[in-house]
Protein backbone atom coordinates (compact mmCIF):
# COMPACT_ATOMS: atom_id res chain seq x y z
CA UNK A 1 0.10 0.09 0.08
CA UNK A 2 1.07 3.44 -0.47
CA UNK A 3 2.39 5.75 2.25
CA UNK A 4 0.67 8.80 2.92
CA UNK A 5 2.09 11.37 5.67
CA UNK A 6 0.58 14.60 6.14
CA UNK A 7 2.50 17.63 4.54
CA UNK A 8 2.76 19.61 8.00
CA UNK A 9 5.14 16.90 9.17
CA UNK A 10 7.52 18.53 6.80
CA UNK A 11 7.62 21.55 9.16
CA UNK A 12 9.09 19.35 11.86
CA UNK A 13 12.92 18.61 11.99
CA UNK A 14 14.24 15.45 13.43
CA UNK A 15 16.11 16.42 17.04
CA UNK A 16 19.62 17.09 16.25
CA UNK A 17 20.54 16.29 19.76
CA UNK A 18 19.08 12.95 19.42
CA UNK A 19 20.80 12.24 16.34
CA UNK A 20 24.15 12.91 18.06
CA UNK A 21 22.91 10.78 20.94
CA UNK A 22 22.09 7.70 18.81
CA UNK A 23 25.32 7.78 16.83
CA UNK A 24 27.13 8.04 20.35
CA UNK A 25 25.40 5.04 21.59
CA UNK A 26 26.08 3.12 18.44
CA UNK A 27 29.68 3.87 18.88
CA UNK A 28 29.47 2.62 22.42
CA UNK A 29 27.87 -0.48 21.31
CA UNK A 30 30.62 -0.95 19.05
CA UNK A 31 33.05 -0.89 21.73
CA UNK A 32 34.37 2.88 21.46
CA UNK A 33 34.76 5.15 24.77
CA UNK A 34 32.23 7.98 24.54
CA UNK A 35 31.93 10.87 27.16
CA UNK A 36 28.38 12.20 26.76
CA UNK A 37 28.00 15.99 26.91
CA UNK A 38 24.84 16.18 24.53
CA UNK A 39 21.86 15.16 26.73
CA UNK A 40 20.42 17.74 28.82
CA UNK A 41 19.32 15.54 31.62
CA UNK A 42 20.74 15.68 35.23
CA UNK A 43 23.09 12.93 35.84
CA UNK A 44 22.00 12.51 39.38
CA UNK A 45 19.47 9.93 40.99
CA UNK A 46 16.14 11.39 41.95
CA UNK A 47 16.32 12.05 45.61
CA UNK A 48 15.19 9.00 47.67
CA UNK A 49 12.37 10.88 49.64
CA UNK A 50 10.70 11.23 45.93
CA UNK A 51 10.99 7.73 44.97
CA UNK A 52 9.71 6.51 48.41
CA UNK A 53 6.70 8.88 47.94
CA UNK A 54 5.91 7.20 44.50
CA UNK A 55 6.23 3.80 46.24
CA UNK A 56 3.90 4.53 48.96
CA UNK A 57 1.45 5.92 46.19
CA UNK A 58 1.69 2.52 44.37
CA UNK A 59 1.29 0.68 47.34
CA UNK A 60 -2.03 2.79 48.42
CA UNK A 61 -3.50 1.97 44.83
CA UNK A 62 -2.77 5.40 43.23
CA UNK A 63 -2.73 3.87 39.86
CA UNK A 64 -5.73 5.21 38.30
CA UNK A 65 -6.83 8.51 36.35
CA UNK A 66 -6.56 11.78 38.14
CA UNK A 67 -8.47 14.83 37.43
CA UNK A 68 -7.38 16.18 33.76
CA UNK A 69 -6.17 19.31 35.50
CA UNK A 70 -4.11 17.40 38.04
CA UNK A 71 -4.72 16.22 41.47
CA UNK A 72 -5.74 19.17 43.62
CA UNK A 73 -3.02 18.50 46.03
CA UNK A 74 -0.30 18.94 43.46
CA UNK A 75 -2.04 21.93 41.96
CA UNK A 76 -2.13 23.58 45.33
CA UNK A 77 1.65 22.41 46.13
CA UNK A 78 2.58 24.18 42.88
CA UNK A 79 0.83 27.30 43.35
CA UNK A 80 2.32 27.58 46.89
CA UNK A 81 5.61 27.08 45.37
CA UNK A 82 5.20 29.85 43.01
CA UNK A 83 3.79 32.34 45.65
CA UNK A 84 6.76 31.39 48.05
CA UNK A 85 9.64 31.03 45.65
CA UNK A 86 8.82 33.37 42.58
CA UNK A 87 6.36 35.78 44.17
CA UNK A 88 3.56 35.26 41.85
CA UNK A 89 0.06 35.11 43.51
CA UNK A 90 -1.18 31.91 41.60
CA UNK A 91 -4.34 29.77 42.96
CA UNK A 92 -4.54 26.19 42.52
CA UNK A 93 -7.24 26.74 39.94
CA UNK A 94 -4.59 28.66 37.67
CA UNK A 95 -2.19 25.58 37.31
CA UNK A 96 -2.39 22.72 35.07
CA UNK A 97 -0.43 19.61 35.34
CA UNK A 98 0.92 18.21 32.25
CA UNK A 99 3.25 15.15 30.93
CA UNK A 100 6.58 17.04 30.87
CA UNK A 101 7.48 20.47 29.88
CA UNK A 102 7.17 19.38 26.21
CA UNK A 103 3.44 19.03 26.52
CA UNK A 104 3.01 22.32 28.12
CA UNK A 105 4.76 23.83 25.42
CA UNK A 106 2.77 22.45 22.75
CA UNK A 107 -0.57 22.97 24.90
CA UNK A 108 0.11 26.67 25.05
CA UNK A 109 1.15 27.40 21.57
CA UNK A 110 -1.91 25.22 20.31
CA UNK A 111 -4.10 27.43 22.63
CA UNK A 112 -2.68 31.07 21.62
CA UNK A 113 -1.61 30.79 17.94
CA UNK A 114 -4.01 30.87 14.85
CA UNK A 115 -2.28 30.30 11.47
CA UNK A 116 -0.53 33.34 10.14
CA UNK A 117 0.12 34.53 13.84
CA UNK A 118 3.61 35.71 14.64
CA UNK A 119 5.55 34.57 17.86
CA UNK A 120 8.95 36.25 18.92
CA UNK A 121 11.44 33.28 19.86
CA UNK A 122 14.96 33.43 20.92
CA UNK A 123 17.78 32.54 18.62
CA UNK A 124 19.51 30.40 19.86
CA UNK A 125 16.84 28.29 21.63
CA UNK A 126 15.44 24.80 22.37
CA UNK A 127 13.94 23.90 18.74
CA UNK A 128 10.46 23.07 20.13
CA UNK A 129 9.69 26.74 20.09
CA UNK A 130 10.42 27.13 16.55
CA UNK A 131 9.02 23.55 15.31
CA UNK A 132 5.72 23.72 17.10
CA UNK A 133 4.57 27.13 15.85
CA UNK A 134 5.44 26.01 12.37
CA UNK A 135 3.41 22.93 12.82
CA UNK A 136 0.54 24.90 13.69
CA UNK A 137 0.80 27.14 10.66
CA UNK A 138 2.35 30.29 12.68
CA UNK A 139 5.42 32.22 12.11
CA UNK A 140 8.17 32.16 14.37
CA UNK A 141 10.06 35.36 14.26
CA UNK A 142 13.74 35.21 16.05
CA UNK A 143 15.22 37.79 18.20
CA UNK A 144 19.09 37.27 18.72
CA UNK A 145 20.62 36.33 22.06
CA UNK A 146 24.47 37.42 21.21
CA UNK A 147 27.31 36.44 23.07
CA UNK A 148 29.01 40.01 23.20
CA UNK A 149 25.80 41.05 24.97
CA UNK A 150 26.00 38.23 27.66
CA UNK A 151 23.15 36.59 25.87
CA UNK A 152 20.69 39.43 27.11
CA UNK A 153 17.92 40.20 24.81
CA UNK A 154 17.96 43.55 23.05
CA UNK A 155 14.76 45.35 23.55
CA UNK A 156 15.19 47.67 20.69
CA UNK A 157 15.21 44.65 18.40
CA UNK A 158 12.10 43.50 20.22
CA UNK A 159 10.52 46.64 19.33
CA UNK A 160 11.35 46.58 15.79
CA UNK A 161 10.22 42.99 15.36
CA UNK A 162 6.56 43.71 16.73
CA UNK A 163 4.01 43.69 14.26
CA UNK A 164 0.27 43.78 14.06
CA UNK A 165 0.23 39.76 14.05
CA UNK A 166 2.54 39.48 16.88
CA UNK A 167 0.64 37.41 19.58
CA UNK A 168 3.53 36.28 21.93
CA UNK A 169 7.03 36.30 23.19
CA UNK A 170 9.19 33.36 24.46
CA UNK A 171 11.53 33.49 27.04
CA UNK A 172 13.94 30.97 28.35
CA UNK A 173 15.64 31.94 31.42
CA UNK A 174 18.12 30.36 32.43
CA UNK A 175 18.64 29.83 28.74
CA UNK A 176 19.18 26.60 26.78
CA UNK A 177 21.57 26.36 25.26
CA UNK A 178 23.64 29.40 26.06
CA UNK A 179 23.33 29.48 29.94
CA UNK A 180 22.35 33.01 30.03
CA UNK A 181 19.99 34.53 32.49
CA UNK A 182 17.80 37.53 31.72
CA UNK A 183 18.37 40.36 34.27
CA UNK A 184 15.46 41.92 36.16
CA UNK A 185 16.12 45.33 34.49
CA UNK A 186 15.78 43.54 30.94
CA UNK A 187 12.47 41.88 32.17
CA UNK A 188 10.96 45.12 33.52
CA UNK A 189 11.83 46.68 29.94
CA UNK A 190 10.01 43.82 28.32
CA UNK A 191 7.23 43.81 30.58
CA UNK A 192 6.30 47.54 29.41
CA UNK A 193 6.63 46.69 26.00
CA UNK A 194 4.37 43.81 26.15
CA UNK A 195 1.73 45.84 28.07
CA UNK A 196 1.94 48.60 25.47
CA UNK A 197 1.51 46.14 22.47
CA UNK A 198 -0.83 43.66 24.49
CA UNK A 199 1.67 40.80 23.85
CA UNK A 200 1.45 37.38 25.71
CA UNK A 201 4.39 35.93 27.21
CA UNK A 202 5.58 32.44 27.33
CA UNK A 203 8.05 32.12 30.09
CA UNK A 204 10.16 28.91 30.24
CA UNK A 205 11.56 28.79 33.82
CA UNK A 206 12.47 24.86 33.78
CA UNK A 207 16.21 25.78 34.91
CA UNK A 208 15.45 28.36 37.37
CA UNK A 209 16.98 26.24 40.30
CA UNK A 210 20.21 25.80 38.58
CA UNK A 211 21.80 29.23 39.07
CA UNK A 212 25.21 30.29 40.06
CA UNK A 213 27.43 32.88 41.58
CA UNK A 214 24.46 34.53 43.58
CA UNK A 215 22.65 35.48 40.17
CA UNK A 216 18.78 36.13 40.90
CA UNK A 217 16.00 34.42 38.85
CA UNK A 218 13.28 36.78 38.16
CA UNK A 219 9.95 35.14 37.01
CA UNK A 220 8.30 38.02 34.57
CA UNK A 221 4.72 37.12 35.98
CA UNK A 222 5.89 38.57 39.40
CA UNK A 223 6.12 42.24 37.45
CA UNK A 224 3.39 44.58 37.70
CA UNK A 225 0.72 43.94 35.07
CA UNK A 226 2.23 40.68 33.74
CA UNK A 227 0.65 37.82 35.66
CA UNK A 228 -2.56 38.27 33.62
CA UNK A 229 -0.42 37.85 30.15
CA UNK A 230 1.82 35.32 31.27
CA UNK A 231 2.18 31.51 31.01
CA UNK A 232 4.75 30.45 33.52
CA UNK A 233 6.00 26.96 32.33
CA UNK A 234 8.06 24.71 34.61
CA UNK A 235 8.53 21.15 35.71
CA UNK A 236 10.21 18.49 37.90
CA UNK A 237 12.76 17.50 35.39
CA UNK A 238 15.91 19.34 35.93
CA UNK A 239 15.95 20.71 39.52
CA UNK A 240 14.85 17.52 41.13
CA UNK A 241 16.59 14.96 38.61
CA UNK A 242 13.22 13.81 37.66
CA UNK A 243 13.44 13.96 33.63
CA UNK A 244 12.14 10.46 33.12
CA UNK A 245 9.27 10.90 35.30
CA UNK A 246 7.67 13.38 32.88
CA UNK A 247 5.81 15.93 35.17
CA UNK A 248 5.37 19.45 34.06
CA UNK A 249 3.21 22.34 34.67
CA UNK A 250 1.44 25.64 33.26
CA UNK A 251 0.45 28.51 35.52
CA UNK A 252 -1.79 30.87 33.79
CA UNK A 253 -4.96 32.84 34.34
CA UNK A 254 -7.86 30.49 34.74
CA UNK A 255 -9.77 31.38 31.77
CA UNK A 256 -6.50 30.18 29.72
CA UNK A 257 -6.04 27.09 31.87
CA UNK A 258 -9.69 25.75 31.28
CA UNK A 259 -8.93 26.15 27.44
CA UNK A 260 -5.66 24.44 28.00
CA UNK A 261 -7.16 21.74 29.62
CA UNK A 262 -9.24 20.77 26.57
CA UNK A 263 -6.00 20.18 24.45
CA UNK A 264 -4.57 18.16 27.34
CA UNK A 265 -7.71 16.22 27.80
CA UNK A 266 -7.54 14.80 24.18
CA UNK A 267 -3.58 14.71 24.24
CA UNK A 268 -2.76 12.77 27.38
CA UNK A 269 -5.77 12.93 29.71
CA UNK A 270 -3.38 13.29 32.93
CA UNK A 271 -0.32 12.75 34.30
CA UNK A 272 0.43 9.41 36.08
CA UNK A 273 -1.10 9.61 39.66
CA UNK A 274 1.99 8.06 41.62
CA UNK A 275 4.13 10.58 39.69
CA UNK A 276 1.91 13.20 40.99
CA UNK A 277 2.23 12.10 44.32
CA UNK A 278 6.06 11.94 44.18
CA UNK A 279 5.81 15.58 43.02
CA UNK A 280 3.96 16.69 46.04
CA UNK A 281 6.54 15.20 48.04
CA UNK A 282 9.38 17.01 45.81
CA UNK A 283 7.65 20.62 46.34
CA UNK A 284 6.92 20.15 50.17
CA UNK A 285 9.55 18.02 51.64
CA UNK A 286 12.67 19.41 49.89
CA UNK A 287 16.06 19.02 51.99
CA UNK A 288 19.29 20.08 50.93
CA UNK A 289 19.40 17.83 48.06
CA UNK A 290 19.10 20.62 45.29
CA UNK A 291 21.47 23.05 47.03
CA UNK A 292 24.00 19.80 46.72
CA UNK A 293 23.40 19.24 43.28
CA UNK A 294 23.96 22.84 42.30
CA UNK A 295 27.12 23.12 44.28
CA UNK A 296 28.55 20.01 42.14
CA UNK A 297 27.23 21.47 38.96
CA UNK A 298 29.03 24.60 39.53
CA UNK A 299 32.19 22.83 40.59
CA UNK A 300 32.10 21.11 37.07
CA UNK A 301 31.09 24.18 35.36
CA UNK A 302 34.33 26.29 36.67
CA UNK A 303 36.32 23.17 35.69
CA UNK A 304 35.10 22.93 32.09
CA UNK A 305 35.16 27.01 31.77
CA UNK A 306 38.90 27.07 32.88
CA UNK A 307 39.85 24.25 30.49
CA UNK A 308 37.92 25.36 27.37
CA UNK A 309 39.22 28.79 27.84
CA UNK A 310 42.65 27.56 27.59
CA UNK A 311 42.35 25.89 24.51
CA UNK A 312 43.57 28.07 21.48
CA UNK A 313 40.80 28.24 19.20
CA UNK A 314 37.83 28.03 21.28
CA UNK A 315 36.26 30.46 24.13
CA UNK A 316 32.87 30.22 26.13
CA UNK A 317 31.26 32.76 28.61
CA UNK A 318 30.98 31.27 32.02
CA UNK A 319 27.06 30.46 32.35
CA UNK A 320 24.98 32.01 34.96
CA UNK A 321 22.43 29.09 34.99
CA UNK A 322 21.32 25.71 33.49
CA UNK A 323 24.12 22.90 33.06
CA UNK A 324 25.25 24.02 29.54
CA UNK A 325 28.32 25.86 27.99
CA UNK A 326 27.84 27.17 24.83
CA UNK A 327 31.26 26.87 22.98
CA UNK A 328 32.52 29.32 20.54
CA UNK A 329 34.32 27.49 17.78
CA UNK A 330 34.06 29.84 15.12
CA UNK A 331 37.97 30.23 14.52
CA UNK A 332 38.27 26.66 13.69
CA UNK A 333 36.70 27.44 10.23
CA UNK A 334 34.46 24.24 10.19
CA UNK A 335 30.63 24.12 10.34
CA UNK A 336 29.39 23.41 13.75
CA UNK A 337 27.81 20.11 12.62
CA UNK A 338 30.99 18.77 10.99
CA UNK A 339 33.05 19.64 13.94
CA UNK A 340 30.69 17.69 16.23
CA UNK A 341 30.73 15.07 14.02
CA UNK A 342 34.51 14.98 13.92
CA UNK A 343 35.05 15.37 17.95
CA UNK A 344 32.53 12.46 18.26
CA UNK A 345 34.24 9.96 15.93
CA UNK A 346 37.89 11.03 16.50
CA UNK A 347 37.83 11.85 20.16
CA UNK A 348 34.84 10.13 21.47
CA UNK A 349 33.38 13.39 22.85
CA UNK A 350 29.47 13.98 22.29
CA UNK A 351 28.56 17.60 21.65
CA UNK A 352 25.64 19.21 20.20
CA UNK A 353 26.34 21.40 17.02
CA UNK A 354 24.91 24.97 17.78
CA UNK A 355 22.88 25.15 14.59
CA UNK A 356 20.48 22.71 16.05
CA UNK A 357 19.29 25.68 18.13
CA UNK A 358 18.67 27.98 15.19
CA UNK A 359 20.91 30.22 12.94
CA UNK A 360 22.30 32.05 15.63
CA UNK A 361 23.89 28.86 16.91
CA UNK A 362 26.13 28.13 14.10
CA UNK A 363 29.76 28.48 15.12
CA UNK A 364 29.16 27.21 18.46
CA UNK A 365 28.95 23.86 20.46
CA UNK A 366 26.65 22.99 23.40
CA UNK A 367 28.12 21.04 26.11
CA UNK A 368 26.10 19.64 29.12
CA UNK A 369 28.26 19.54 32.19
CA UNK A 370 25.76 17.17 33.73
CA UNK A 371 28.20 14.39 33.86
CA UNK A 372 30.40 13.39 36.37
CA UNK A 373 33.44 15.67 37.37
CA UNK A 374 35.94 13.37 36.18
CA UNK A 375 34.39 12.88 32.76
CA UNK A 376 34.12 16.66 32.36
CA UNK A 377 37.97 16.90 33.08
CA UNK A 378 38.47 13.85 30.89
CA UNK A 379 36.44 15.11 27.97
CA UNK A 380 37.96 18.61 28.05
CA UNK A 381 41.45 16.96 27.92
CA UNK A 382 40.31 14.97 24.72
CA UNK A 383 38.74 18.18 23.41
CA UNK A 384 41.82 20.06 23.75
CA UNK A 385 43.78 17.53 21.98
CA UNK A 386 41.38 17.09 19.15
CA UNK A 387 41.38 20.92 18.41
CA UNK A 388 45.14 21.08 18.52
CA UNK A 389 45.35 18.35 16.11
CA UNK A 390 42.76 20.09 13.74
CA UNK A 391 44.69 23.36 14.10
CA UNK A 392 47.83 21.79 13.22
CA UNK A 393 46.23 19.97 10.07
CA UNK A 394 44.98 23.25 8.85
CA UNK A 395 48.35 25.01 9.41
CA UNK A 396 50.18 21.91 7.41
CA UNK A 397 47.30 22.66 4.72
CA UNK A 398 48.31 26.14 4.17
CA UNK A 399 44.94 27.52 5.85
CA UNK A 400 44.93 30.35 8.09
CA UNK A 401 43.15 30.09 11.53
CA UNK A 402 42.07 32.98 13.52
């Protein structure tokens, strides 16, 4: 029989991150030694008290459907967290529990974007924010996050790119892939622009707890006039090392939550009951587990930054948040995809080419330092050797390296 695939699927690009990961796994199965810096997931185990709460829930028979919105206990725990930590006065009725942040992104964008609508998207950015609008027939309009600006957005650029079709703007802070954190001053300026032009905000704050050097995370919904126009997206994956548990959430005005739930009902019905119970425990019984994880991430970050900045031909800013380094490799004169493939095949280092995250990522490699300290050190050693060899080869070929 003939194969028919909807033309809209042409708008979806396969994950460039998973492409690198699959090749790295295949190399390992063939006996190669590979250090994984490609996948953005914590390498820590989920804290024991969270797993114990899940086991108790299973033993108590919490294995059936919950409310589509999520259990009231979890919705209230999320609202309390957002009040306490983010200074946003959400009610439980303004929270929808989703199956991971990915579903939350799809639900929000499907709810607010009509065909032909425009949405402002960071460049570089996690590619769901580019792919999903395209799938919906909307138009993603990129705004640049430049290394020389510390990966802050340029408010003048935002003003220029707003049109009569602009419905929303996406923020990811701390950012994936750059590790940049938007300042309160920038967010205040953006808030005024959004109010003036009646623009919605999708604020992805999944990395909010992974922040360093006393940097401050500010939720834009906490600023005057912004709660009513903001979708605050978050989840349990990064801070609590619960990526495989698939638990995310959206906080927004109740009239939006009611519509989002219609999408959620048809898409996934509800998050697993025992995962929701475990998430309540995560939010209400936290000890010092996250603090210890963040301290270890910072130790790895510092080692990686020092090592990479010492490699001739590479450079990187010290990230303020997340667990990513965005490595500038432009002087090597290779496309980022070709360089990533070379480093994987010849040095056993799995890094993500920056162009995966949009045009502004070309000339960069993303490194996740969510790996052991020893692997970070060894990976940087391999990287230094591989780059030195590349530079020597280019010199022998008579090519000039900046």
